[in-house]
Amino acid sequence: MAKQKIVVKVTMNNEKKIRKALKIAVSLSGVESASFVGSDKTQIAVTGEHVDSVELATLLRKGVGYTELLSVGPVEEKKPAAAKETNPTVAPLDFTVNPYQYYYGSYGMPYYAY
């Protein structure tokens, strides 16, 4: 089964119900993403595989309030128009170490306890 996109209109009055609606939407198995759509942000778009739209609407009705199932359909896959394959040339890095350069950072003045 391919990915599907479900759009649900939910009546949300305050910030608490908005958070609760998103939490319910992403808690379903198979959901990959959930986001707000529409100008007034009362619609939630849920994308994923094997997502049960009836279960989503039922849980939102129980948890938040009035819920209307607007659309269920496949996700439109965006195909790149002209995928240019460029192979940038990478210059090889040359790490040479001077064997006569020593670092004695841990040695310093001797510590004498009196």
PDB file of N, CA and C in Angstrom:
ATOM      1  N   MET A   1       0.840  -1.174   0.000  1.00  0.00           N
ATOM      2  CA  MET A   1       0.000   0.000   0.000  1.00  0.00           C
ATOM      3  C   MET A   1       0.887   1.239   0.000  1.00  0.00           C
ATOM      4  N   ALA A   2       0.523   2.230  -0.772  1.00  0.00           N
ATOM      5  CA  ALA A   2       1.315   3.449  -0.902  1.00  0.00           C
ATOM      6  C   ALA A   2       0.975   4.430   0.216  1.00  0.00           C
ATOM      7  N   LYS A   3       1.776   5.464   0.288  1.00  0.00           N
ATOM      8  CA  LYS A   3       1.527   6.501   1.286  1.00  0.00           C
ATOM      9  C   LYS A   3       0.222   7.202   0.962  1.00  0.00           C
ATOM     10  N   GLN A   4      -0.477   7.609   2.012  1.00  0.00           N
ATOM     11  CA  GLN A   4      -1.722   8.321   1.814  1.00  0.00           C
ATOM     12  C   GLN A   4      -1.747   9.581   2.661  1.00  0.00           C
ATOM     13  N   LYS A   5      -2.543  10.528   2.204  1.00  0.00           N
ATOM     14  CA  LYS A   5      -2.682  11.801   2.909  1.00  0.00           C
ATOM     15  C   LYS A   5      -4.140  11.947   3.330  1.00  0.00           C
ATOM     16  N   ILE A   6      -4.339  12.189   4.617  1.00  0.00           N
ATOM     17  CA  ILE A   6      -5.676  12.336   5.175  1.00  0.00           C
ATOM     18  C   ILE A   6      -5.800  13.756   5.700  1.00  0.00           C
ATOM     19  N   VAL A   7      -6.843  14.460   5.285  1.00  0.00           N
ATOM     20  CA  VAL A   7      -7.093  15.817   5.757  1.00  0.00           C
ATOM     21  C   VAL A   7      -8.364  15.797   6.589  1.00  0.00           C
ATOM     22  N   VAL A   8      -8.247  16.287   7.829  1.00  0.00           N
ATOM     23  CA  VAL A   8      -9.346  16.267   8.791  1.00  0.00           C
ATOM     24  C   VAL A   8      -9.570  17.684   9.296  1.00  0.00           C
ATOM     25  N   LYS A   9     -10.828  18.102   9.347  1.00  0.00           N
ATOM     26  CA  LYS A   9     -11.170  19.414   9.902  1.00  0.00           C
ATOM     27  C   LYS A   9     -11.633  19.209  11.333  1.00  0.00           C
ATOM     28  N   VAL A  10     -10.986  19.913  12.263  1.00  0.00           N
ATOM     29  CA  VAL A  10     -11.268  19.736  13.682  1.00  0.00           C
ATOM     30  C   VAL A  10     -11.605  21.101  14.284  1.00  0.00           C
ATOM     31  N   THR A  11     -12.634  21.142  15.128  1.00  0.00           N
ATOM     32  CA  THR A  11     -12.970  22.369  15.835  1.00  0.00           C
ATOM     33  C   THR A  11     -12.090  22.463  17.069  1.00  0.00           C
ATOM     34  N   MET A  12     -11.199  23.448  17.043  1.00  0.00           N
ATOM     35  CA  MET A  12     -10.259  23.635  18.156  1.00  0.00           C
ATOM     36  C   MET A  12     -10.400  25.059  18.663  1.00  0.00           C
ATOM     37  N   ASN A  13     -10.765  25.197  19.935  1.00  0.00           N
ATOM     38  CA  ASN A  13     -11.036  26.515  20.490  1.00  0.00           C
ATOM     39  C   ASN A  13      -9.816  27.158  21.135  1.00  0.00           C
ATOM     40  N   ASN A  14      -8.979  26.363  21.759  1.00  0.00           N
ATOM     41  CA  ASN A  14      -7.845  26.938  22.483  1.00  0.00           C
ATOM     42  C   ASN A  14      -6.567  26.155  22.196  1.00  0.00           C
ATOM     43  N   GLU A  15      -5.477  26.631  22.752  1.00  0.00           N
ATOM     44  CA  GLU A  15      -4.158  26.044  22.521  1.00  0.00           C
ATOM     45  C   GLU A  15      -4.073  24.605  23.040  1.00  0.00           C
ATOM     46  N   LYS A  16      -4.754  24.326  24.137  1.00  0.00           N
ATOM     47  CA  LYS A  16      -4.712  22.986  24.719  1.00  0.00           C
ATOM     48  C   LYS A  16      -5.322  21.954  23.761  1.00  0.00           C
ATOM     49  N   LYS A  17      -6.436  22.305  23.138  1.00  0.00           N
ATOM     50  CA  LYS A  17      -7.069  21.376  22.199  1.00  0.00           C
ATOM     51  C   LYS A  17      -6.251  21.209  20.927  1.00  0.00           C
ATOM     52  N   ILE A  18      -5.534  22.256  20.522  1.00  0.00           N
ATOM     53  CA  ILE A  18      -4.676  22.169  19.338  1.00  0.00           C
ATOM     54  C   ILE A  18      -3.551  21.172  19.594  1.00  0.00           C
ATOM     55  N   ARG A  19      -2.902  21.288  20.750  1.00  0.00           N
ATOM     56  CA  ARG A  19      -1.825  20.363  21.104  1.00  0.00           C
ATOM     57  C   ARG A  19      -2.339  18.941  21.245  1.00  0.00           C
ATOM     58  N   LYS A  20      -3.519  18.795  21.838  1.00  0.00           N
ATOM     59  CA  LYS A  20      -4.093  17.470  22.040  1.00  0.00           C
ATOM     60  C   LYS A  20      -4.459  16.821  20.704  1.00  0.00           C
ATOM     61  N   ALA A  21      -4.969  17.605  19.752  1.00  0.00           N
ATOM     62  CA  ALA A  21      -5.324  17.068  18.443  1.00  0.00           C
ATOM     63  C   ALA A  21      -4.089  16.579  17.694  1.00  0.00           C
ATOM     64  N   LEU A  22      -3.007  17.335  17.730  1.00  0.00           N
ATOM     65  CA  LEU A  22      -1.776  16.895  17.071  1.00  0.00           C
ATOM     66  C   LEU A  22      -1.193  15.667  17.757  1.00  0.00           C
ATOM     67  N   LYS A  23      -1.279  15.626  19.079  1.00  0.00           N
ATOM     68  CA  LYS A  23      -0.767  14.477  19.819  1.00  0.00           C
ATOM     69  C   LYS A  23      -1.536  13.209  19.454  1.00  0.00           C
ATOM     70  N   ILE A  24      -2.839  13.319  19.319  1.00  0.00           N
ATOM     71  CA  ILE A  24      -3.662  12.173  18.931  1.00  0.00           C
ATOM     72  C   ILE A  24      -3.329  11.751  17.502  1.00  0.00           C
ATOM     73  N   ALA A  25      -3.135  12.729  16.615  1.00  0.00           N
ATOM     74  CA  ALA A  25      -2.873  12.424  15.203  1.00  0.00           C
ATOM     75  C   ALA A  25      -1.553  11.689  15.022  1.00  0.00           C
ATOM     76  N   VAL A  26      -0.519  12.087  15.738  1.00  0.00           N
ATOM     77  CA  VAL A  26       0.778  11.438  15.552  1.00  0.00           C
ATOM     78  C   VAL A  26       0.911  10.159  16.365  1.00  0.00           C
ATOM     79  N   SER A  27      -0.033   9.885  17.268  1.00  0.00           N
ATOM     80  CA  SER A  27       0.057   8.675  18.081  1.00  0.00           C
ATOM     81  C   SER A  27      -0.401   7.423  17.329  1.00  0.00           C
ATOM     82  N   LEU A  28      -1.087   7.593  16.204  1.00  0.00           N
ATOM     83  CA  LEU A  28      -1.540   6.435  15.434  1.00  0.00           C
ATOM     84  C   LEU A  28      -0.363   5.726  14.782  1.00  0.00           C
ATOM     85  N   SER A  29      -0.490   4.424  14.619  1.00  0.00           N
ATOM     86  CA  SER A  29       0.588   3.671  13.987  1.00  0.00           C
ATOM     87  C   SER A  29       0.583   3.934  12.483  1.00  0.00           C
ATOM     88  N   GLY A  30       1.775   4.106  11.933  1.00  0.00           N
ATOM     89  CA  GLY A  30       1.925   4.350  10.507  1.00  0.00           C
ATOM     90  C   GLY A  30       2.019   5.805  10.115  1.00  0.00           C
ATOM     91  N   VAL A  31       1.786   6.718  11.057  1.00  0.00           N
ATOM     92  CA  VAL A  31       1.822   8.147  10.742  1.00  0.00           C
ATOM     93  C   VAL A  31       3.266   8.606  10.663  1.00  0.00           C
ATOM     94  N   GLU A  32       3.606   9.271   9.553  1.00  0.00           N
ATOM     95  CA  GLU A  32       4.948   9.809   9.386  1.00  0.00           C
ATOM     96  C   GLU A  32       5.001  11.292   9.702  1.00  0.00           C
ATOM     97  N   SER A  33       3.946  12.035   9.356  1.00  0.00           N
ATOM     98  CA  SER A  33       3.938  13.464   9.657  1.00  0.00           C
ATOM     99  C   SER A  33       2.512  13.953   9.808  1.00  0.00           C
ATOM    100  N   ALA A  34       2.377  15.013  10.591  1.00  0.00           N
ATOM    101  CA  ALA A  34       1.087  15.671  10.775  1.00  0.00           C
ATOM    102  C   ALA A  34       1.346  17.162  10.798  1.00  0.00           C
ATOM    103  N   SER A  35       0.520  17.918  10.083  1.00  0.00           N
ATOM    104  CA  SER A  35       0.730  19.362  10.019  1.00  0.00           C
ATOM    105  C   SER A  35      -0.605  20.060   9.846  1.00  0.00           C
ATOM    106  N   PHE A  36      -0.600  21.357  10.147  1.00  0.00           N
ATOM    107  CA  PHE A  36      -1.793  22.169   9.960  1.00  0.00           C
ATOM    108  C   PHE A  36      -1.837  22.663   8.525  1.00  0.00           C
ATOM    109  N   VAL A  37      -3.014  22.677   7.940  1.00  0.00           N
ATOM    110  CA  VAL A  37      -3.217  23.234   6.604  1.00  0.00           C
ATOM    111  C   VAL A  37      -4.437  24.139   6.661  1.00  0.00           C
ATOM    112  N   GLY A  38      -4.585  24.969   5.655  1.00  0.00           N
ATOM    113  CA  GLY A  38      -5.707  25.890   5.606  1.00  0.00           C
ATOM    114  C   GLY A  38      -5.331  27.235   6.191  1.00  0.00           C
ATOM    115  N   SER A  39      -6.133  28.226   5.866  1.00  0.00           N
ATOM    116  CA  SER A  39      -5.816  29.583   6.318  1.00  0.00           C
ATOM    117  C   SER A  39      -6.094  29.779   7.804  1.00  0.00           C
ATOM    118  N   ASP A  40      -7.117  29.131   8.333  1.00  0.00           N
ATOM    119  CA  ASP A  40      -7.459  29.308   9.737  1.00  0.00           C
ATOM    120  C   ASP A  40      -6.866  28.233  10.641  1.00  0.00           C
ATOM    121  N   LYS A  41      -6.053  27.335  10.081  1.00  0.00           N
ATOM    122  CA  LYS A  41      -5.335  26.293  10.830  1.00  0.00           C
ATOM    123  C   LYS A  41      -6.272  25.374  11.619  1.00  0.00           C
ATOM    124  N   THR A  42      -7.444  25.088  11.056  1.00  0.00           N
ATOM    125  CA  THR A  42      -8.355  24.146  11.710  1.00  0.00           C
ATOM    126  C   THR A  42      -8.310  22.781  11.041  1.00  0.00           C
ATOM    127  N   GLN A  43      -7.495  22.645  10.025  1.00  0.00           N
ATOM    128  CA  GLN A  43      -7.389  21.372   9.323  1.00  0.00           C
ATOM    129  C   GLN A  43      -6.035  20.745   9.620  1.00  0.00           C
ATOM    130  N   ILE A  44      -6.041  19.432   9.819  1.00  0.00           N
ATOM    131  CA  ILE A  44      -4.818  18.683  10.081  1.00  0.00           C
ATOM    132  C   ILE A  44      -4.609  17.712   8.927  1.00  0.00           C
ATOM    133  N   ALA A  45      -3.416  17.767   8.319  1.00  0.00           N
ATOM    134  CA  ALA A  45      -3.056  16.837   7.250  1.00  0.00           C
ATOM    135  C   ALA A  45      -2.119  15.785   7.840  1.00  0.00           C
ATOM    136  N   VAL A  46      -2.498  14.525   7.705  1.00  0.00           N
ATOM    137  CA  VAL A  46      -1.727  13.412   8.244  1.00  0.00           C
ATOM    138  C   VAL A  46      -1.240  12.567   7.076  1.00  0.00           C
ATOM    139  N   THR A  47       0.062  12.282   7.030  1.00  0.00           N
ATOM    140  CA  THR A  47       0.624  11.447   5.970  1.00  0.00           C
ATOM    141  C   THR A  47       1.269  10.216   6.570  1.00  0.00           C
ATOM    142  N   GLY A  48       1.142   9.087   5.862  1.00  0.00           N
ATOM    143  CA  GLY A  48       1.764   7.855   6.314  1.00  0.00           C
ATOM    144  C   GLY A  48       1.215   6.658   5.566  1.00  0.00           C
ATOM    145  N   GLU A  49       1.747   5.510   5.922  1.00  0.00           N
ATOM    146  CA  GLU A  49       1.293   4.261   5.316  1.00  0.00           C
ATOM    147  C   GLU A  49       0.425   3.491   6.297  1.00  0.00           C
ATOM    148  N   HIS A  50      -0.608   2.849   5.789  1.00  0.00           N
ATOM    149  CA  HIS A  50      -1.510   2.017   6.589  1.00  0.00           C
ATOM    150  C   HIS A  50      -2.145   2.804   7.736  1.00  0.00           C
ATOM    151  N   VAL A  51      -2.543   4.062   7.488  1.00  0.00           N
ATOM    152  CA  VAL A  51      -3.205   4.872   8.503  1.00  0.00           C
ATOM    153  C   VAL A  51      -4.712   4.694   8.327  1.00  0.00           C
ATOM    154  N   ASP A  52      -5.385   4.348   9.413  1.00  0.00           N
ATOM    155  CA  ASP A  52      -6.830   4.153   9.372  1.00  0.00           C
ATOM    156  C   ASP A  52      -7.517   5.497   9.591  1.00  0.00           C
ATOM    157  N   SER A  53      -8.195   5.995   8.567  1.00  0.00           N
ATOM    158  CA  SER A  53      -8.821   7.308   8.642  1.00  0.00           C
ATOM    159  C   SER A  53     -10.019   7.322   9.593  1.00  0.00           C
ATOM    160  N   VAL A  54     -10.728   6.208   9.664  1.00  0.00           N
ATOM    161  CA  VAL A  54     -11.887   6.125  10.558  1.00  0.00           C
ATOM    162  C   VAL A  54     -11.429   6.144  12.017  1.00  0.00           C
ATOM    163  N   GLU A  55     -10.354   5.436  12.304  1.00  0.00           N
ATOM    164  CA  GLU A  55      -9.815   5.432  13.665  1.00  0.00           C
ATOM    165  C   GLU A  55      -9.311   6.820  14.053  1.00  0.00           C
ATOM    166  N   LEU A  56      -8.675   7.512  13.118  1.00  0.00           N
ATOM    167  CA  LEU A  56      -8.195   8.863  13.371  1.00  0.00           C
ATOM    168  C   LEU A  56      -9.351   9.799  13.688  1.00  0.00           C
ATOM    169  N   ALA A  57     -10.406   9.752  12.886  1.00  0.00           N
ATOM    170  CA  ALA A  57     -11.563  10.613  13.116  1.00  0.00           C
ATOM    171  C   ALA A  57     -12.255  10.279  14.428  1.00  0.00           C
ATOM    172  N   THR A  58     -12.358   9.004  14.758  1.00  0.00           N
ATOM    173  CA  THR A  58     -13.009   8.591  16.004  1.00  0.00           C
ATOM    174  C   THR A  58     -12.235   9.073  17.223  1.00  0.00           C
ATOM    175  N   LEU A  59     -10.913   8.903  17.198  1.00  0.00           N
ATOM    176  CA  LEU A  59     -10.100   9.349  18.326  1.00  0.00           C
ATOM    177  C   LEU A  59     -10.131  10.862  18.487  1.00  0.00           C
ATOM    178  N   LEU A  60     -10.141  11.588  17.368  1.00  0.00           N
ATOM    179  CA  LEU A  60     -10.218  13.046  17.453  1.00  0.00           C
ATOM    180  C   LEU A  60     -11.580  13.500  17.969  1.00  0.00           C
ATOM    181  N   ARG A  61     -12.644  12.793  17.602  1.00  0.00           N
ATOM    182  CA  ARG A  61     -13.970  13.148  18.116  1.00  0.00           C
ATOM    183  C   ARG A  61     -14.061  12.916  19.615  1.00  0.00           C
ATOM    184  N   LYS A  62     -13.476  11.822  20.083  1.00  0.00           N
ATOM    185  CA  LYS A  62     -13.510  11.532  21.517  1.00  0.00           C
ATOM    186  C   LYS A  62     -12.646  12.498  22.306  1.00  0.00           C
ATOM    187  N   GLY A  63     -11.461  12.824  21.775  1.00  0.00           N
ATOM    188  CA  GLY A  63     -10.515  13.631  22.534  1.00  0.00           C
ATOM    189  C   GLY A  63     -10.686  15.120  22.408  1.00  0.00           C
ATOM    190  N   VAL A  64     -11.088  15.613  21.233  1.00  0.00           N
ATOM    191  CA  VAL A  64     -11.093  17.055  20.997  1.00  0.00           C
ATOM    192  C   VAL A  64     -12.499  17.596  20.820  1.00  0.00           C
ATOM    193  N   GLY A  65     -13.275  16.976  19.952  1.00  0.00           N
ATOM    194  CA  GLY A  65     -14.624  17.479  19.703  1.00  0.00           C
ATOM    195  C   GLY A  65     -15.029  17.172  18.277  1.00  0.00           C
ATOM    196  N   TYR A  66     -15.774  18.092  17.671  1.00  0.00           N
ATOM    197  CA  TYR A  66     -16.315  17.887  16.333  1.00  0.00           C
ATOM    198  C   TYR A  66     -15.179  17.695  15.334  1.00  0.00           C
ATOM    199  N   THR A  67     -15.276  16.624  14.544  1.00  0.00           N
ATOM    200  CA  THR A  67     -14.255  16.296  13.550  1.00  0.00           C
ATOM    201  C   THR A  67     -14.938  15.909  12.246  1.00  0.00           C
ATOM    202  N   GLU A  68     -14.441  16.456  11.161  1.00  0.00           N
ATOM    203  CA  GLU A  68     -14.990  16.169   9.844  1.00  0.00           C
ATOM    204  C   GLU A  68     -13.866  15.664   8.949  1.00  0.00           C
ATOM    205  N   LEU A  69     -14.059  14.514   8.335  1.00  0.00           N
ATOM    206  CA  LEU A  69     -13.079  13.916   7.440  1.00  0.00           C
ATOM    207  C   LEU A  69     -13.242  14.561   6.066  1.00  0.00           C
ATOM    208  N   LEU A  70     -12.244  15.338   5.630  1.00  0.00           N
ATOM    209  CA  LEU A  70     -12.363  16.074   4.371  1.00  0.00           C
ATOM    210  C   LEU A  70     -11.894  15.266   3.169  1.00  0.00           C
ATOM    211  N   SER A  71     -10.703  14.676   3.234  1.00  0.00           N
ATOM    212  CA  SER A  71     -10.224  13.934   2.070  1.00  0.00           C
ATOM    213  C   SER A  71      -9.237  12.856   2.483  1.00  0.00           C
ATOM    214  N   VAL A  72      -9.233  11.789   1.696  1.00  0.00           N
ATOM    215  CA  VAL A  72      -8.269  10.701   1.834  1.00  0.00           C
ATOM    216  C   VAL A  72      -7.786  10.380   0.436  1.00  0.00           C
ATOM    217  N   GLY A  73      -6.466  10.430   0.243  1.00  0.00           N
ATOM    218  CA  GLY A  73      -5.941  10.160  -1.087  1.00  0.00           C
ATOM    219  C   GLY A  73      -4.457   9.871  -1.047  1.00  0.00           C
ATOM    220  N   PRO A  74      -3.911   9.468  -2.196  1.00  0.00           N
ATOM    221  CA  PRO A  74      -2.470   9.181  -2.249  1.00  0.00           C
ATOM    222  C   PRO A  74      -1.655  10.468  -2.177  1.00  0.00           C
ATOM    223  N   VAL A  75      -0.423  10.324  -1.727  1.00  0.00           N
ATOM    224  CA  VAL A  75       0.484  11.460  -1.635  1.00  0.00           C
ATOM    225  C   VAL A  75       1.078  11.720  -3.004  1.00  0.00           C
ATOM    226  N   GLU A  76       1.102  12.993  -3.405  1.00  0.00           N
ATOM    227  CA  GLU A  76       1.711  13.347  -4.682  1.00  0.00           C
ATOM    228  C   GLU A  76       3.220  13.372  -4.492  1.00  0.00           C
ATOM    229  N   GLU A  77       3.898  12.465  -5.183  1.00  0.00           N
ATOM    230  CA  GLU A  77       5.354  12.406  -5.108  1.00  0.00           C
ATOM    231  C   GLU A  77       5.935  13.467  -6.020  1.00  0.00           C
ATOM    232  N   LYS A  78       6.828  14.269  -5.487  1.00  0.00           N
ATOM    233  CA  LYS A  78       7.471  15.304  -6.290  1.00  0.00           C
ATOM    234  C   LYS A  78       8.682  14.705  -6.984  1.00  0.00           C
ATOM    235  N   LYS A  79       8.654  14.761  -8.303  1.00  0.00           N
ATOM    236  CA  LYS A  79       9.772  14.244  -9.085  1.00  0.00           C
ATOM    237  C   LYS A  79      10.614  15.431  -9.548  1.00  0.00           C
ATOM    238  N   PRO A  80      11.911  15.320  -9.402  1.00  0.00           N
ATOM    239  CA  PRO A  80      12.751  16.416  -9.863  1.00  0.00           C
ATOM    240  C   PRO A  80      12.677  16.532 -11.382  1.00  0.00           C
ATOM    241  N   ALA A  81      12.492  17.750 -11.878  1.00  0.00           N
ATOM    242  CA  ALA A  81      12.322  17.974 -13.309  1.00  0.00           C
ATOM    243  C   ALA A  81      13.588  17.611 -14.082  1.00  0.00           C
ATOM    244  N   ALA A  82      14.672  18.209 -13.696  1.00  0.00           N
ATOM    245  CA  ALA A  82      15.931  17.922 -14.373  1.00  0.00           C
ATOM    246  C   ALA A  82      16.998  17.721 -13.310  1.00  0.00           C
ATOM    247  N   ALA A  83      17.208  16.498 -12.966  1.00  0.00           N
ATOM    248  CA  ALA A  83      18.198  16.202 -11.929  1.00  0.00           C
ATOM    249  C   ALA A  83      19.577  16.200 -12.571  1.00  0.00           C
ATOM    250  N   LYS A  84      20.320  17.237 -12.296  1.00  0.00           N
ATOM    251  CA  LYS A  84      21.662  17.340 -12.843  1.00  0.00           C
ATOM    252  C   LYS A  84      22.631  16.656 -11.906  1.00  0.00           C
ATOM    253  N   GLU A  85      23.349  15.726 -12.448  1.00  0.00           N
ATOM    254  CA  GLU A  85      24.331  15.030 -11.637  1.00  0.00           C
ATOM    255  C   GLU A  85      25.679  15.690 -11.858  1.00  0.00           C
ATOM    256  N   THR A  86      26.126  16.387 -10.858  1.00  0.00           N
ATOM    257  CA  THR A  86      27.425  17.035 -10.948  1.00  0.00           C
ATOM    258  C   THR A  86      28.368  16.324 -10.007  1.00  0.00           C
ATOM    259  N   ASN A  87      29.512  16.022 -10.511  1.00  0.00           N
ATOM    260  CA  ASN A  87      30.535  15.382  -9.704  1.00  0.00           C
ATOM    261  C   ASN A  87      31.616  16.406  -9.399  1.00  0.00           C
ATOM    262  N   PRO A  88      31.561  17.014  -8.247  1.00  0.00           N
ATOM    263  CA  PRO A  88      32.581  17.998  -7.930  1.00  0.00           C
ATOM    264  C   PRO A  88      33.922  17.305  -7.709  1.00  0.00           C
ATOM    265  N   THR A  89      34.939  17.943  -8.195  1.00  0.00           N
ATOM    266  CA  THR A  89      36.265  17.367  -8.023  1.00  0.00           C
ATOM    267  C   THR A  89      36.774  17.723  -6.643  1.00  0.00           C
ATOM    268  N   VAL A  90      37.195  16.744  -5.937  1.00  0.00           N
ATOM    269  CA  VAL A  90      37.694  16.926  -4.585  1.00  0.00           C
ATOM    270  C   VAL A  90      39.197  16.697  -4.610  1.00  0.00           C
ATOM    271  N   ALA A  91      39.901  17.706  -4.144  1.00  0.00           N
ATOM    272  CA  ALA A  91      41.351  17.589  -4.102  1.00  0.00           C
ATOM    273  C   ALA A  91      41.734  16.676  -2.949  1.00  0.00           C
ATOM    274  N   PRO A  92      42.701  15.784  -3.168  1.00  0.00           N
ATOM    275  CA  PRO A  92      43.105  14.903  -2.065  1.00  0.00           C
ATOM    276  C   PRO A  92      43.825  15.701  -0.978  1.00  0.00           C
ATOM    277  N   LEU A  93      43.538  15.373   0.230  1.00  0.00           N
ATOM    278  CA  LEU A  93      44.157  16.055   1.355  1.00  0.00           C
ATOM    279  C   LEU A  93      45.484  15.388   1.683  1.00  0.00           C
ATOM    280  N   ASP A  94      46.474  16.206   1.967  1.00  0.00           N
ATOM    281  CA  ASP A  94      47.798  15.702   2.276  1.00  0.00           C
ATOM    282  C   ASP A  94      48.116  16.067   3.719  1.00  0.00           C
ATOM    283  N   PHE A  95      48.070  15.088   4.590  1.00  0.00           N
ATOM    284  CA  PHE A  95      48.390  15.304   5.986  1.00  0.00           C
ATOM    285  C   PHE A  95      49.796  14.757   6.242  1.00  0.00           C
ATOM    286  N   THR A  96      50.728  15.637   6.340  1.00  0.00           N
ATOM    287  CA  THR A  96      52.081  15.210   6.664  1.00  0.00           C
ATOM    288  C   THR A  96      52.403  15.658   8.075  1.00  0.00           C
ATOM    289  N   VAL A  97      53.085  14.826   8.798  1.00  0.00           N
ATOM    290  CA  VAL A  97      53.438  15.098  10.178  1.00  0.00           C
ATOM    291  C   VAL A  97      54.954  15.201  10.266  1.00  0.00           C
ATOM    292  N   ASN A  98      55.385  16.244  10.909  1.00  0.00           N
ATOM    293  CA  ASN A  98      56.813  16.422  11.129  1.00  0.00           C
ATOM    294  C   ASN A  98      57.211  15.545  12.314  1.00  0.00           C
ATOM    295  N   PRO A  99      58.042  14.522  12.117  1.00  0.00           N
ATOM    296  CA  PRO A  99      58.381  13.619  13.226  1.00  0.00           C
ATOM    297  C   PRO A  99      59.284  14.269  14.270  1.00  0.00           C
ATOM    298  N   TYR A 100      59.868  15.406  13.969  1.00  0.00           N
ATOM    299  CA  TYR A 100      60.766  16.046  14.917  1.00  0.00           C
ATOM    300  C   TYR A 100      60.085  17.133  15.719  1.00  0.00           C
ATOM    301  N   GLN A 101      58.806  17.320  15.504  1.00  0.00           N
ATOM    302  CA  GLN A 101      58.074  18.326  16.255  1.00  0.00           C
ATOM    303  C   GLN A 101      57.354  17.625  17.404  1.00  0.00           C
ATOM    304  N   TYR A 102      57.749  17.948  18.605  1.00  0.00           N
ATOM    305  CA  TYR A 102      57.177  17.319  19.789  1.00  0.00           C
ATOM    306  C   TYR A 102      56.419  18.353  20.577  1.00  0.00           C
ATOM    307  N   TYR A 103      55.452  17.887  21.320  1.00  0.00           N
ATOM    308  CA  TYR A 103      54.684  18.780  22.164  1.00  0.00           C
ATOM    309  C   TYR A 103      54.747  18.254  23.583  1.00  0.00           C
ATOM    310  N   TYR A 104      55.270  19.069  24.443  1.00  0.00           N
ATOM    311  CA  TYR A 104      55.376  18.713  25.854  1.00  0.00           C
ATOM    312  C   TYR A 104      54.455  19.622  26.656  1.00  0.00           C
ATOM    313  N   GLY A 105      53.185  19.610  26.347  1.00  0.00           N
ATOM    314  CA  GLY A 105      52.249  20.499  27.012  1.00  0.00           C
ATOM    315  C   GLY A 105      51.953  20.077  28.438  1.00  0.00           C
ATOM    316  N   SER A 106      52.061  18.812  28.729  1.00  0.00           N
ATOM    317  CA  SER A 106      51.717  18.369  30.069  1.00  0.00           C
ATOM    318  C   SER A 106      52.881  18.599  31.054  1.00  0.00           C
ATOM    319  N   TYR A 107      54.052  18.798  30.513  1.00  0.00           N
ATOM    320  CA  TYR A 107      55.213  19.058  31.377  1.00  0.00           C
ATOM    321  C   TYR A 107      55.321  20.559  31.604  1.00  0.00           C
ATOM    322  N   GLY A 108      55.615  20.915  32.762  1.00  0.00           N
ATOM    323  CA  GLY A 108      55.783  22.329  33.069  1.00  0.00           C
ATOM    324  C   GLY A 108      56.723  22.466  34.250  1.00  0.00           C
ATOM    325  N   MET A 109      56.441  23.466  34.985  1.00  0.00           N
ATOM    326  CA  MET A 109      57.246  23.695  36.189  1.00  0.00           C
ATOM    327  C   MET A 109      56.926  22.600  37.182  1.00  0.00           C
ATOM    328  N   PRO A 110      57.930  22.125  37.872  1.00  0.00           N
ATOM    329  CA  PRO A 110      57.678  21.054  38.871  1.00  0.00           C
ATOM    330  C   PRO A 110      56.871  21.608  40.035  1.00  0.00           C
ATOM    331  N   TYR A 111      56.024  20.759  40.575  1.00  0.00           N
ATOM    332  CA  TYR A 111      55.181  21.150  41.695  1.00  0.00           C
ATOM    333  C   TYR A 111      55.759  20.562  42.971  1.00  0.00           C
ATOM    334  N   TYR A 112      56.064  21.445  43.943  1.00  0.00           N
ATOM    335  CA  TYR A 112      56.615  21.008  45.215  1.00  0.00           C
ATOM    336  C   TYR A 112      55.603  21.321  46.320  1.00  0.00           C
ATOM    337  N   ALA A 113      55.170  20.344  47.017  1.00  0.00           N
ATOM    338  CA  ALA A 113      54.226  20.538  48.115  1.00  0.00           C
ATOM    339  C   ALA A 113      55.007  20.782  49.400  1.00  0.00           C
ATOM    340  N   TYR A 114      54.725  21.863  50.075  1.00  0.00           N
ATOM    341  CA  TYR A 114      55.399  22.181  51.335  1.00  0.00           C
ATOM    342  C   TYR A 114      54.547  21.858  52.509  1.00  0.00           C
TER     343      TYR A 114
END
